[in-house]
Protein backbone atom coordinates (compact mmCIF):
# COMPACT_ATOMS: atom_id res chain seq x y z
CA UNK A 1 -15.38 -12.69 21.55
CA UNK A 2 -11.63 -12.67 22.16
CA UNK A 3 -9.67 -13.76 19.09
CA UNK A 4 -6.25 -13.33 20.69
CA UNK A 5 -5.35 -13.35 24.39
CA UNK A 6 -1.83 -12.57 25.61
CA UNK A 7 -1.16 -13.14 29.32
CA UNK A 8 1.86 -12.07 31.39
CA UNK A 9 4.17 -11.81 28.39
CA UNK A 10 7.85 -11.29 29.06
CA UNK A 11 10.64 -11.04 26.51
CA UNK A 12 14.08 -9.55 26.04
CA UNK A 13 17.37 -9.74 24.15
CA UNK A 14 20.31 -10.42 26.46
CA UNK A 15 19.96 -8.10 29.44
CA UNK A 16 17.67 -5.74 27.51
CA UNK A 17 14.05 -6.28 28.52
CA UNK A 18 11.44 -5.57 25.83
CA UNK A 19 8.25 -6.66 27.65
CA UNK A 20 7.53 -7.28 31.29
CA UNK A 21 4.25 -8.90 32.40
CA UNK A 22 2.30 -7.64 29.36
CA UNK A 23 -1.32 -8.69 28.79
CA UNK A 24 -3.48 -7.98 25.74
CA UNK A 25 -6.84 -8.95 24.23
CA UNK A 26 -8.04 -8.56 20.66
CA UNK A 27 -11.80 -8.71 20.15
CA UNK A 28 -13.61 -9.45 16.90
CA UNK A 29 -13.91 -6.35 14.70
CA UNK A 30 -11.43 -4.17 16.61
CA UNK A 31 -9.22 -1.90 14.51
CA UNK A 32 -6.11 -1.41 16.65
CA UNK A 33 -3.20 0.98 16.22
CA UNK A 34 -0.08 -0.43 17.91
CA UNK A 35 2.11 2.59 18.60
CA UNK A 36 5.32 3.52 20.41
CA UNK A 37 8.78 4.91 19.77
CA UNK A 38 11.41 3.00 17.78
CA UNK A 39 12.71 0.07 19.79
CA UNK A 40 9.77 -0.30 22.17
CA UNK A 41 8.98 -3.75 20.73
CA UNK A 42 6.09 -3.36 18.28
CA UNK A 43 7.50 -5.66 15.58
CA UNK A 44 8.81 -8.05 18.26
CA UNK A 45 5.27 -8.29 19.62
CA UNK A 46 3.97 -9.17 16.14
CA UNK A 47 6.67 -11.83 15.74
CA UNK A 48 5.78 -13.37 19.11
CA UNK A 49 2.02 -13.58 18.55
CA UNK A 50 2.58 -15.13 15.09
CA UNK A 51 4.99 -17.73 16.50
CA UNK A 52 8.10 -16.44 14.76
CA UNK A 53 9.65 -15.72 18.18
CA UNK A 54 9.21 -17.61 21.43
CA UNK A 55 8.49 -15.42 24.47
CA UNK A 56 10.64 -15.77 27.58
CA UNK A 57 7.46 -16.07 29.67
CA UNK A 58 3.71 -15.79 29.37
CA UNK A 59 1.03 -17.36 27.20
CA UNK A 60 -0.36 -16.67 23.71
CA UNK A 61 -3.83 -18.07 22.95
CA UNK A 62 -5.68 -17.80 19.63
CA UNK A 63 -9.39 -18.61 19.33
CA UNK A 64 -10.03 -21.88 17.50
CA UNK A 65 -10.34 -21.72 13.71
CA UNK A 66 -9.09 -18.12 13.59
CA UNK A 67 -7.46 -17.23 10.27
CA UNK A 68 -4.54 -14.86 10.76
CA UNK A 69 -2.86 -12.85 7.99
CA UNK A 70 0.56 -11.28 8.61
CA UNK A 71 2.37 -8.97 6.19
CA UNK A 72 5.83 -10.54 6.29
CA UNK A 73 8.11 -8.73 3.86
CA UNK A 74 10.62 -11.61 3.95
CA UNK A 75 8.20 -14.20 2.50
CA UNK A 76 9.71 -15.85 -0.58
CA UNK A 77 8.04 -15.57 -3.98
CA UNK A 78 8.73 -18.44 -6.39
CA UNK A 79 10.49 -17.65 -9.64
CA UNK A 80 8.36 -18.56 -12.64
CA UNK A 81 5.07 -17.40 -11.08
CA UNK A 82 3.33 -14.33 -12.42
CA UNK A 83 1.88 -11.67 -10.16
CA UNK A 84 -1.63 -12.86 -11.10
CA UNK A 85 -0.78 -16.47 -10.18
CA UNK A 86 0.58 -15.39 -6.78
CA UNK A 87 -2.56 -13.35 -6.06
CA UNK A 88 -4.78 -16.29 -7.02
CA UNK A 89 -3.07 -18.42 -4.35
CA UNK A 90 -5.03 -16.33 -1.82
CA UNK A 91 -7.99 -18.49 -2.89
CA UNK A 92 -6.16 -21.82 -2.88
CA UNK A 93 -8.74 -23.40 -0.57
CA UNK A 94 -11.45 -22.63 -3.15
CA UNK A 95 -9.40 -24.16 -5.97
CA UNK A 96 -8.96 -27.24 -3.76
CA UNK A 97 -12.74 -27.45 -3.33
CA UNK A 98 -13.20 -27.15 -7.09
CA UNK A 99 -10.73 -29.99 -7.68
CA UNK A 100 -12.53 -32.14 -5.12
CA UNK A 101 -15.85 -31.44 -6.88
CA UNK A 102 -14.42 -32.30 -10.31
CA UNK A 103 -12.95 -35.54 -8.95
CA UNK A 104 -16.43 -36.46 -7.68
CA UNK A 105 -17.93 -35.71 -11.10
CA UNK A 106 -15.37 -38.03 -12.71
CA UNK A 107 -16.40 -40.84 -10.36
CA UNK A 108 -20.09 -40.60 -11.22
CA UNK A 109 -19.90 -42.81 -14.31
CA UNK A 110 -18.48 -45.70 -12.26
CA UNK A 111 -20.85 -45.89 -9.26
CA UNK A 112 -24.22 -47.42 -8.41
CA UNK A 113 -27.42 -45.32 -8.42
CA UNK A 114 -27.35 -45.15 -4.61
CA UNK A 115 -23.75 -43.92 -4.59
CA UNK A 116 -24.55 -41.50 -7.42
CA UNK A 117 -27.23 -39.90 -5.26
CA UNK A 118 -24.68 -39.32 -2.47
CA UNK A 119 -22.12 -37.90 -4.91
CA UNK A 120 -24.69 -35.51 -6.37
CA UNK A 121 -25.56 -34.34 -2.89
CA UNK A 122 -21.87 -33.77 -2.02
CA UNK A 123 -21.06 -31.95 -5.29
CA UNK A 124 -24.12 -29.75 -4.77
CA UNK A 125 -22.86 -28.82 -1.29
CA UNK A 126 -19.41 -27.93 -2.68
CA UNK A 127 -21.00 -25.98 -5.55
CA UNK A 128 -23.02 -23.91 -3.08
CA UNK A 129 -19.89 -23.27 -0.98
CA UNK A 130 -17.96 -22.10 -4.06
CA UNK A 131 -20.81 -19.77 -5.06
CA UNK A 132 -21.20 -18.36 -1.53
CA UNK A 133 -17.44 -17.66 -1.39
CA UNK A 134 -17.49 -15.80 -4.73
CA UNK A 135 -15.32 -18.43 -6.46
CA UNK A 136 -16.55 -17.34 -9.88
CA UNK A 137 -15.55 -13.73 -9.17
CA UNK A 138 -11.92 -14.44 -8.24
CA UNK A 139 -10.44 -12.74 -11.30
CA UNK A 140 -12.57 -9.64 -10.72
CA UNK A 141 -11.41 -9.48 -7.09
CA UNK A 142 -7.77 -9.91 -8.12
CA UNK A 143 -8.11 -7.09 -10.64
CA UNK A 144 -9.79 -4.80 -8.09
CA UNK A 145 -7.11 -5.18 -5.40
CA UNK A 146 -4.24 -5.18 -7.92
CA UNK A 147 -5.53 -1.95 -9.41
CA UNK A 148 -6.03 -0.39 -5.96
CA UNK A 149 -2.41 -1.05 -4.97
CA UNK A 150 -0.94 -0.18 -8.36
CA UNK A 151 0.10 -3.68 -9.45
CA UNK A 152 -1.61 -3.26 -12.81
CA UNK A 153 0.87 -0.52 -13.62
CA UNK A 154 3.63 -3.03 -14.28
CA UNK A 155 1.55 -5.95 -15.57
CA UNK A 156 -0.04 -8.89 -13.77
CA UNK A 157 1.67 -11.37 -16.07
CA UNK A 158 5.12 -10.21 -14.96
CA UNK A 159 7.35 -12.78 -13.23
CA UNK A 160 7.57 -11.98 -9.51
CA UNK A 161 11.30 -12.73 -9.67
CA UNK A 162 11.77 -9.49 -11.66
CA UNK A 163 10.14 -7.26 -9.04
CA UNK A 164 11.83 -4.62 -6.92
CA UNK A 165 11.60 -4.79 -3.13
CA UNK A 166 8.74 -2.28 -3.08
CA UNK A 167 6.80 -4.08 -5.82
CA UNK A 168 7.30 -7.40 -4.04
CA UNK A 169 5.86 -5.97 -0.82
CA UNK A 170 2.84 -4.69 -2.77
CA UNK A 171 2.20 -8.19 -4.12
CA UNK A 172 2.39 -9.71 -0.63
CA UNK A 173 0.03 -7.05 0.72
CA UNK A 174 -2.44 -7.59 -2.13
CA UNK A 175 -2.42 -11.36 -1.57
CA UNK A 176 -2.99 -10.83 2.15
CA UNK A 177 -5.96 -8.51 1.57
CA UNK A 178 -7.49 -10.98 -0.89
CA UNK A 179 -7.30 -13.72 1.75
CA UNK A 180 -9.56 -11.59 4.02
CA UNK A 181 -8.41 -13.26 7.27
CA UNK A 182 -10.23 -12.89 10.60
CA UNK A 183 -7.25 -10.85 11.80
CA UNK A 184 -4.90 -8.72 9.69
CA UNK A 185 -1.48 -7.97 11.19
CA UNK A 186 0.05 -5.06 9.28
CA UNK A 187 3.57 -3.81 10.05
CA UNK A 188 4.27 -0.56 8.18
CA UNK A 189 2.11 -1.46 5.12
CA UNK A 190 2.44 2.02 3.56
CA UNK A 191 6.26 2.02 3.37
CA UNK A 192 6.29 1.19 -0.34
CA UNK A 193 2.95 2.66 -1.39
CA UNK A 194 2.39 5.80 -3.40
CA UNK A 195 -0.07 8.46 -2.21
CA UNK A 196 -3.05 7.23 -4.28
CA UNK A 197 -2.50 3.63 -3.19
CA UNK A 198 -2.31 4.68 0.48
CA UNK A 199 -5.71 6.34 -0.03
CA UNK A 200 -7.09 3.12 -1.52
CA UNK A 201 -5.74 1.05 1.40
CA UNK A 202 -7.24 3.54 3.85
CA UNK A 203 -10.69 3.11 2.27
CA UNK A 204 -10.25 -0.67 2.25
CA UNK A 205 -9.38 -0.82 5.96
CA UNK A 206 -12.18 1.55 6.93
CA UNK A 207 -14.68 -0.90 5.47
CA UNK A 208 -12.87 -4.05 6.69
CA UNK A 209 -15.36 -6.21 8.63
CA UNK A 210 -12.75 -8.18 10.57
CA UNK A 211 -10.12 -7.19 13.12
CA UNK A 212 -6.69 -5.77 12.40
CA UNK A 213 -3.60 -4.61 14.27
CA UNK A 214 -1.68 -1.84 12.48
CA UNK A 215 1.85 -0.58 13.09
CA UNK A 216 2.51 2.62 11.17
CA UNK A 217 4.59 5.77 11.63
CA UNK A 218 2.43 7.40 8.95
CA UNK A 219 0.25 9.23 11.47
CA UNK A 220 -2.39 10.65 9.07
CA UNK A 221 -2.94 7.12 7.74
CA UNK A 222 -3.04 5.47 11.18
CA UNK A 223 -5.37 8.13 12.62
CA UNK A 224 -7.83 7.65 9.76
CA UNK A 225 -8.36 3.88 10.13
CA UNK A 226 -8.07 2.81 13.82
CA UNK A 227 -10.59 3.05 16.65
CA UNK A 228 -8.44 1.73 19.49
CA UNK A 229 -4.85 2.42 20.53
CA UNK A 230 -2.38 0.16 22.33
CA UNK A 231 0.67 2.13 23.40
CA UNK A 232 4.05 0.47 24.05
CA UNK A 233 6.32 2.27 26.47
CA UNK A 234 8.81 1.21 29.15
CA UNK A 235 8.10 -2.53 28.69
CA UNK A 236 4.35 -2.04 29.19
CA UNK A 237 1.35 -2.13 26.84
CA UNK A 238 -1.53 0.22 27.69
CA UNK A 239 -5.01 0.25 26.13
CA UNK A 240 -6.61 3.56 25.10
CA UNK A 241 -10.19 3.39 23.72
CA UNK A 242 -10.85 5.78 20.85
CA UNK A 243 -8.62 7.12 18.11
CA UNK A 244 -5.12 8.59 18.15
CA UNK A 245 -6.16 12.12 19.14
CA UNK A 246 -8.07 10.77 22.12
CA UNK A 247 -5.01 8.71 23.06
CA UNK A 248 -2.84 11.85 23.05
CA UNK A 249 -5.31 13.71 25.26
CA UNK A 250 -5.64 10.90 27.83
CA UNK A 251 -1.91 10.06 27.73
CA UNK A 252 -0.90 13.65 28.48
CA UNK A 253 -3.54 13.91 31.22
CA UNK A 254 -2.25 10.70 32.85
CA UNK A 255 1.33 11.95 32.68
CA UNK A 256 0.32 15.15 34.41
CA UNK A 257 -1.64 13.24 37.08
CA UNK A 258 1.28 10.89 37.76
CA UNK A 259 3.73 13.81 37.89
CA UNK A 260 1.49 15.65 40.38
CA UNK A 261 1.04 12.51 42.52
CA UNK A 262 4.81 11.87 42.40
CA UNK A 263 5.56 15.43 43.52
CA UNK A 264 3.06 15.20 46.38
CA UNK A 265 4.39 11.81 47.47
CA UNK A 266 8.02 12.96 47.36
CA UNK A 267 7.09 15.85 49.66
CA UNK A 268 5.39 13.43 52.04
CA UNK A 269 8.41 11.08 51.96
CA UNK A 270 10.75 13.97 52.73
CA UNK A 271 8.60 15.02 55.69
CA UNK A 272 8.40 11.46 57.05
CA UNK A 273 12.16 10.94 56.72
CA UNK A 274 12.81 14.25 58.43
CA UNK A 275 10.48 13.34 61.30
CA UNK A 276 12.11 9.92 61.73
CA UNK A 277 15.62 11.38 61.68
CA UNK A 278 14.74 14.00 64.33
CA UNK A 279 12.71 11.78 66.66
CA UNK A 280 13.98 8.19 66.53
CA UNK A 281 16.63 8.78 69.22
CA UNK A 282 14.20 10.55 71.60
CA UNK A 283 12.55 8.16 74.05
CA UNK A 284 9.39 10.25 74.16
CA UNK A 285 8.90 10.28 70.40
CA UNK A 286 10.67 7.07 69.28
CA UNK A 287 7.37 5.14 68.94
CA UNK A 288 5.97 7.85 66.70
CA UNK A 289 9.19 7.76 64.65
CA UNK A 290 8.93 3.97 64.34
CA UNK A 291 5.33 4.34 63.15
CA UNK A 292 6.42 6.85 60.51
CA UNK A 293 9.23 4.49 59.42
CA UNK A 294 6.73 1.62 59.00
CA UNK A 295 4.60 3.89 56.82
CA UNK A 296 7.70 4.69 54.73
CA UNK A 297 8.60 1.00 54.39
CA UNK A 298 5.10 0.06 53.21
CA UNK A 299 4.72 2.97 50.83
CA UNK A 300 4.49 2.07 47.12
CA UNK A 301 6.72 4.68 45.56
CA UNK A 302 5.39 6.31 42.39
CA UNK A 303 8.00 6.10 39.65
CA UNK A 304 8.09 8.52 36.75
CA UNK A 305 8.59 7.00 33.31
CA UNK A 306 12.13 7.46 32.10
CA UNK A 307 12.35 9.96 29.27
CA UNK A 308 13.46 8.47 25.96
CA UNK A 309 16.50 10.18 24.43
CA UNK A 310 15.52 12.61 21.68
CA UNK A 311 17.61 12.30 18.51
CA UNK A 312 19.73 15.21 17.36
CA UNK A 313 21.14 15.06 13.85
CA UNK A 314 23.78 17.40 12.50
CA UNK A 315 25.46 16.71 9.17
CA UNK A 316 29.09 17.88 9.00
CA UNK A 317 30.00 20.04 6.03
CA UNK A 318 32.93 19.07 3.78
CA UNK A 319 34.78 21.51 1.53
CA UNK A 320 32.83 23.25 -1.21
CA UNK A 321 32.51 21.06 -4.35
CA UNK A 322 32.64 22.18 -7.96
CA UNK A 323 29.63 23.83 -9.61
CA UNK A 324 28.36 20.56 -11.14
CA UNK A 325 27.90 17.59 -8.81
CA UNK A 326 27.12 15.15 -11.62
CA UNK A 327 26.08 15.13 -15.25
CA UNK A 328 24.70 12.21 -17.27
CA UNK A 329 25.03 11.69 -20.99
CA UNK A 330 22.45 9.41 -22.66
CA UNK A 331 22.31 7.40 -19.43
CA UNK A 332 20.10 4.31 -19.67
CA UNK A 333 19.64 2.53 -16.34
CA UNK A 334 18.51 -1.03 -15.66
CA UNK A 335 19.68 -4.58 -15.16
CA UNK A 336 18.59 -7.12 -17.78
CA UNK A 337 16.52 -4.56 -19.64
CA UNK A 338 16.27 -0.75 -19.74
CA UNK A 339 14.27 1.02 -17.04
CA UNK A 340 14.71 4.49 -18.52
CA UNK A 341 14.98 6.46 -21.71
CA UNK A 342 18.41 8.03 -22.37
CA UNK A 343 18.82 10.61 -19.59
CA UNK A 344 20.51 14.01 -19.73
CA UNK A 345 20.58 15.03 -16.06
CA UNK A 346 22.56 17.71 -14.27
CA UNK A 347 22.75 18.48 -10.56
CA UNK A 348 24.40 21.66 -9.41
CA UNK A 349 25.95 22.67 -6.11
CA UNK A 350 23.32 23.79 -3.58
CA UNK A 351 20.39 21.91 -5.12
CA UNK A 352 18.22 19.70 -2.96
CA UNK A 353 16.28 17.29 -5.18
CA UNK A 354 13.57 14.72 -4.49
CA UNK A 355 12.99 11.82 -6.90
CA UNK A 356 9.28 11.02 -7.17
CA UNK A 357 7.30 8.37 -9.01
CA UNK A 358 5.74 4.96 -8.54
CA UNK A 359 7.65 2.07 -6.99
CA UNK A 360 9.60 -0.15 -9.34
CA UNK A 361 10.35 2.42 -12.05
CA UNK A 362 14.04 2.68 -11.19
CA UNK A 363 14.53 5.45 -8.61
CA UNK A 364 16.97 3.40 -6.50
CA UNK A 365 18.60 2.06 -9.67
CA UNK A 366 19.20 5.64 -10.79
CA UNK A 367 20.87 6.55 -7.49
CA UNK A 368 23.11 3.50 -7.58
CA UNK A 369 24.00 4.15 -11.23
CA UNK A 370 24.99 7.74 -10.44
CA UNK A 371 27.11 6.54 -7.50
CA UNK A 372 28.82 3.93 -9.69
CA UNK A 373 27.53 0.96 -7.66
CA UNK A 374 25.96 -0.63 -10.75
CA UNK A 375 26.86 -0.27 -14.41
CA UNK A 376 24.36 1.48 -16.66
CA UNK A 377 23.05 -0.32 -19.72
CA UNK A 378 24.48 2.50 -21.82
CA UNK A 379 25.61 6.10 -21.52
CA UNK A 380 27.75 7.56 -18.78
CA UNK A 381 27.84 9.55 -15.55
CA UNK A 382 30.44 12.25 -14.88
CA UNK A 383 30.88 13.10 -11.20
CA UNK A 384 32.02 16.59 -10.23
CA UNK A 385 35.19 17.65 -8.44
CA UNK A 386 35.77 17.50 -4.68
CA UNK A 387 32.63 15.44 -3.97
CA UNK A 388 32.23 13.97 -0.47
CA UNK A 389 29.14 11.76 -0.67
CA UNK A 390 27.11 10.32 2.21
CA UNK A 391 24.81 7.48 1.08
CA UNK A 392 21.84 6.14 3.07
CA UNK A 393 20.66 2.82 1.62
CA UNK A 394 17.01 1.85 1.82
CA UNK A 395 17.50 -1.38 3.77
CA UNK A 396 20.21 -2.75 6.06
CA UNK A 397 21.52 -6.31 6.28
CA UNK A 398 19.33 -8.59 8.40
CA UNK A 399 22.31 -10.71 9.52
CA UNK A 400 24.67 -8.07 10.90
CA UNK A 401 26.51 -9.65 13.87
CA UNK A 402 28.21 -6.41 14.95
CA UNK A 403 27.14 -4.52 18.02
CA UNK A 404 26.20 -0.89 17.37
CA UNK A 405 29.57 0.19 18.80
CA UNK A 406 31.46 -2.20 16.50
CA UNK A 407 29.40 -1.06 13.51
CA UNK A 408 30.50 2.56 13.98
CA UNK A 409 34.06 1.68 14.97
CA UNK A 410 34.62 -0.33 11.77
CA UNK A 411 34.22 2.87 9.79
CA UNK A 412 35.54 5.46 12.25
CA UNK A 413 38.51 3.83 13.97
CA UNK A 414 39.89 7.17 15.19
CA UNK A 415 36.94 7.66 17.57
CA UNK A 416 37.19 6.66 21.23
CA UNK A 417 34.56 4.35 22.72
CA UNK A 418 33.09 7.29 24.60
CA UNK A 419 32.83 9.29 21.38
CA UNK A 420 31.10 6.37 19.63
CA UNK A 421 28.63 5.97 22.49
CA UNK A 422 27.96 9.71 22.56
CA UNK A 423 27.38 9.79 18.81
CA UNK A 424 24.91 6.88 18.92
CA UNK A 425 23.12 8.47 21.88
CA UNK A 426 22.72 11.68 19.85
CA UNK A 427 20.79 9.60 17.31
CA UNK A 428 18.27 8.59 19.98
CA UNK A 429 19.67 5.20 21.06
CA UNK A 430 19.81 4.13 24.71
CA UNK A 431 22.76 2.41 26.40
CA UNK A 432 21.17 -1.03 25.97
CA UNK A 433 20.50 -0.37 22.29
CA UNK A 434 24.09 0.77 21.82
CA UNK A 435 25.46 -2.44 23.36
CA UNK A 436 23.06 -4.73 21.42
CA UNK A 437 23.80 -6.45 18.12
CA UNK A 438 22.51 -4.55 15.11
CA UNK A 439 20.49 -7.55 13.90
CA UNK A 440 18.19 -7.55 16.98
CA UNK A 441 17.30 -3.86 16.64
CA UNK A 442 14.03 -2.61 15.22
CA UNK A 443 13.91 -1.12 11.73
CA UNK A 444 13.90 2.39 13.19
CA UNK A 445 16.88 1.69 15.45
CA UNK A 446 18.86 0.25 12.53
CA UNK A 447 18.08 3.39 10.55
CA UNK A 448 19.42 5.51 13.42
CA UNK A 449 22.69 3.53 13.41
CA UNK A 450 23.08 4.20 9.68
CA UNK A 451 22.27 7.87 10.21
CA UNK A 452 24.97 7.91 12.90
CA UNK A 453 27.49 6.97 10.21
CA UNK A 454 26.35 9.87 8.05
CA UNK A 455 26.60 12.50 10.78
CA UNK A 456 30.19 11.41 11.49
CA UNK A 457 31.26 12.01 7.88
CA UNK A 458 32.19 15.29 6.28
CA UNK A 459 29.88 15.49 3.27
CA UNK A 460 28.76 17.95 0.65
CA UNK A 461 26.21 15.65 -1.05
CA UNK A 462 23.74 13.46 0.84
CA UNK A 463 22.12 10.68 -1.21
CA UNK A 464 19.18 9.32 0.81
CA UNK A 465 17.00 6.38 -0.26
CA UNK A 466 13.75 6.32 1.77
CA UNK A 467 15.40 7.46 5.03
CA UNK A 468 12.08 7.84 6.91
CA UNK A 469 10.67 4.34 6.25
CA UNK A 470 11.05 3.11 9.84
CA UNK A 471 11.59 6.30 11.83
CA UNK A 472 9.23 7.35 14.61
CA UNK A 473 7.70 10.81 14.73
CA UNK A 474 10.43 12.49 16.79
CA UNK A 475 13.27 11.11 14.62
CA UNK A 476 11.46 12.03 11.40
CA UNK A 477 10.89 15.61 12.53
CA UNK A 478 14.51 15.97 13.66
CA UNK A 479 15.80 14.58 10.34
CA UNK A 480 13.65 17.08 8.47
CA UNK A 481 15.08 19.92 10.57
CA UNK A 482 18.67 18.75 10.02
CA UNK A 483 18.24 18.44 6.24
CA UNK A 484 16.71 21.92 6.00
CA UNK A 485 19.69 23.29 7.96
CA UNK A 486 22.29 21.33 5.93
CA UNK A 487 24.32 23.65 3.66
CA UNK A 488 25.30 20.89 1.24
CA UNK A 489 23.23 19.29 -1.53
CA UNK A 490 20.66 16.51 -1.16
CA UNK A 491 19.40 13.86 -3.59
CA UNK A 492 16.44 12.15 -1.92
CA UNK A 493 13.95 9.36 -2.56
CA UNK A 494 10.89 9.50 -0.32
CA UNK A 495 7.27 8.40 -0.64
CA UNK A 496 6.27 11.16 1.81
CA UNK A 497 5.81 14.55 0.09
CA UNK A 498 4.91 16.06 3.48
CA UNK A 499 8.41 15.15 4.68
CA UNK A 500 10.41 16.68 1.84
CA UNK A 501 8.25 19.57 0.58
CA UNK A 502 9.99 22.12 2.83
CA UNK A 503 13.47 20.67 2.19
CA UNK A 504 13.92 20.34 -1.57
CA UNK A 505 14.35 22.98 -4.26
CA UNK A 506 13.39 20.64 -7.12
CA UNK A 507 11.34 17.47 -7.68
CA UNK A 508 12.30 15.14 -10.53
CA UNK A 509 9.37 12.95 -11.59
CA UNK A 510 10.96 9.69 -12.76
CA UNK A 511 7.72 8.63 -14.43
CA UNK A 512 8.63 11.07 -17.21
CA UNK A 513 11.68 8.96 -18.07
CA UNK A 514 10.65 5.40 -17.33
CA UNK A 515 10.18 2.68 -19.92
CA UNK A 516 7.66 0.98 -17.61
CA UNK A 517 4.05 1.02 -18.82
CA UNK A 518 1.46 3.01 -16.85
């Protein structure tokens, strides 16, 4: 049974086409990995099928009575609600049934015996429905999922207004999983999860009875949970039965077959053109030449897929700083209340340090406190001499009206337009990306624009907050290479130990300092 049917979908931004005549079917129980390089349109596709974006052409059809769950990280959470209360809203329809049943019970004292019989029958039906839907196990289910995703670590009675961005995303994901929709749409669900919680989500999805579509640049995670791949490339969407490894095998084989067919056809075209050129003016052979020309005109030319630009990152080195990059004295970080014990931290020239620990314990707050962007609750930070800092923030503004060119030019006015374009291209952006507004780019493309700013600065300390969150495989590997090669110092937050293990010289576990309960 088809739950979702997409027919002849077309969409673009300005003169930049994203999809062209794309069709897609999702069947009950399919576990789909939606893959492709940054900017190919994966998140745009999700926004179109959920109605957040209107396509330029084509048709989207959902099966009747299909419940769809979409992990939308921009969903608002109401101040004054606890985490537990938000998670319970996943079962709102059951609470509504319970209220309806209680209202019927209250009516029973006022009705005739005949009406009472009907009310008893109706309340019995609702009671059975509540039991069959595990209504009386809601709290146990909430605890199970909350524990699996690490929400218990900072208390289910905590006001959602006090949560960090990563914690907030965890709550939304937990609520979505508790709803158990017919189709789960998951766009980078592991971005804010720690290793043990990624493992729990993997086990959950492996046993999920319904269908899901997953976008994830975390390849080990994606490979472990999907059984069908849809690959986005060059405005097309191609179906590959089997897992990710099977996709790679078939994809490479198809590329080789197309390349061989293209080479053979180009040879044939060259021979036909040569024959026509030599024989069209000769009366004896002009009919043969005309026949060859007709064959040329009717030939469907095999086109090779255009190669996507590969990113190349190189961080420019500023002058050598002093021995100590920063020192803290009894530093207590936080906003309304402390997130850390008094900290005595020192970073020396040449160190490359990763900050580890669960989401919400203050890793980003620590970075921003060291950089002087927010005031500590108490204590102080002393920055070293001759520091040239490059800072990569975790998220970019969603409302940036600048084009990519304008975004770079605002900060580097001495560069020519050609130099700006060349610099953005080095980060893996195409001409159409470069001329687009930043706000219409994918998360990975926005990250590449911000990385472009860093590679145009002379730095001796890079402060990077989750730089790999939206990057595709090629960009992530190139960033790892560039950071290993970088002669300056690095202070890094990343939830991917496999990314930073060959880069850093030290790992600071922030859980040793936090005031948060575990």
